[in-house]
Amino acid sequence: MDSPRLCARCTLTVSLLTFRQRFDDRYRTGKDGTGKWAEYQTRVRYRILPGLD
């Protein structure tokens, strides 16, 4: 019985994290400029969870 709830929670969590990552990309590119944000992205490879590409 708990499996559908767990699946829904995981789906919601991944959706929110993905939305946040895309929002951060747009916001930081506009605020810091393309060059600085691109430099940051090359230094920090992970996007959503530290250690995962």
C-alpha atoms as a PDB file:
ATOM      1  CA  MET A   1       0.000   0.000   0.000  1.00  0.00           C
ATOM      2  CA  ASP A   2       2.861   2.390   0.677  1.00  0.00           C
ATOM      3  CA  SER A   3       4.429   1.876  -2.749  1.00  0.00           C
ATOM      4  CA  PRO A   4       2.148   4.300  -4.658  1.00  0.00           C
ATOM      5  CA  ARG A   5       2.736   6.995  -2.042  1.00  0.00           C
ATOM      6  CA  LEU A   6       6.474   6.477  -2.172  1.00  0.00           C
ATOM      7  CA  CYS A   7       6.436   6.652  -5.954  1.00  0.00           C
ATOM      8  CA  ALA A   8       4.393   9.854  -5.854  1.00  0.00           C
ATOM      9  CA  ARG A   9       6.755  11.436  -3.316  1.00  0.00           C
ATOM     10  CA  CYS A  10       9.812  10.510  -5.373  1.00  0.00           C
ATOM     11  CA  THR A  11       8.231  11.866  -8.538  1.00  0.00           C
ATOM     12  CA  LEU A  12       7.304  15.120  -6.810  1.00  0.00           C
ATOM     13  CA  THR A  13      10.779  15.512  -5.318  1.00  0.00           C
ATOM     14  CA  VAL A  14      12.541  14.943  -8.631  1.00  0.00           C
ATOM     15  CA  SER A  15      10.131  17.326 -10.376  1.00  0.00           C
ATOM     16  CA  LEU A  16      10.749  20.093  -7.848  1.00  0.00           C
ATOM     17  CA  LEU A  17      14.517  19.633  -7.929  1.00  0.00           C
ATOM     18  CA  THR A  18      14.525  19.707 -11.725  1.00  0.00           C
ATOM     19  CA  PHE A  19      12.416  22.871 -11.730  1.00  0.00           C
ATOM     20  CA  ARG A  20      14.786  24.480  -9.224  1.00  0.00           C
ATOM     21  CA  GLN A  21      17.848  23.604 -11.303  1.00  0.00           C
ATOM     22  CA  ARG A  22      16.337  25.121 -14.445  1.00  0.00           C
ATOM     23  CA  PHE A  23      15.240  28.216 -12.543  1.00  0.00           C
ATOM     24  CA  ASP A  24      18.741  28.655 -11.110  1.00  0.00           C
ATOM     25  CA  ASP A  25      20.277  28.371 -14.582  1.00  0.00           C
ATOM     26  CA  ARG A  26      18.073  31.144 -15.952  1.00  0.00           C
ATOM     27  CA  TYR A  27      18.389  33.371 -12.891  1.00  0.00           C
ATOM     28  CA  ARG A  28      22.154  33.067 -12.472  1.00  0.00           C
ATOM     29  CA  THR A  29      22.822  33.555 -16.180  1.00  0.00           C
ATOM     30  CA  GLY A  30      20.879  36.819 -16.080  1.00  0.00           C
ATOM     31  CA  LYS A  31      22.401  38.012 -12.828  1.00  0.00           C
ATOM     32  CA  ASP A  32      26.046  36.948 -13.193  1.00  0.00           C
ATOM     33  CA  GLY A  33      26.329  37.009 -16.954  1.00  0.00           C
ATOM     34  CA  THR A  34      26.956  34.102 -19.240  1.00  0.00           C
ATOM     35  CA  GLY A  35      30.738  33.966 -18.689  1.00  0.00           C
ATOM     36  CA  LYS A  36      30.753  33.699 -14.902  1.00  0.00           C
ATOM     37  CA  TRP A  37      27.909  31.224 -14.806  1.00  0.00           C
ATOM     38  CA  ALA A  38      29.536  29.073 -17.492  1.00  0.00           C
ATOM     39  CA  GLU A  39      32.759  29.088 -15.474  1.00  0.00           C
ATOM     40  CA  TYR A  40      30.859  28.003 -12.370  1.00  0.00           C
ATOM     41  CA  GLN A  41      29.144  25.216 -14.307  1.00  0.00           C
ATOM     42  CA  THR A  42      32.480  23.843 -15.512  1.00  0.00           C
ATOM     43  CA  ARG A  43      33.873  23.862 -11.969  1.00  0.00           C
ATOM     44  CA  VAL A  44      30.775  22.302 -10.382  1.00  0.00           C
ATOM     45  CA  ARG A  45      29.675  19.437 -12.586  1.00  0.00           C
ATOM     46  CA  TYR A  46      26.679  18.232 -10.595  1.00  0.00           C
ATOM     47  CA  ARG A  47      23.339  19.960 -10.901  1.00  0.00           C
ATOM     48  CA  ILE A  48      20.753  18.515  -8.555  1.00  0.00           C
ATOM     49  CA  LEU A  49      22.516  16.240  -6.084  1.00  0.00           C
ATOM     50  CA  PRO A  50      26.159  16.731  -5.090  1.00  0.00           C
ATOM     51  CA  GLY A  51      28.365  14.034  -6.542  1.00  0.00           C
ATOM     52  CA  LEU A  52      25.940  13.024  -9.296  1.00  0.00           C
ATOM     53  CA  ASP A  53      26.444  14.345 -12.807  1.00  0.00           C
END
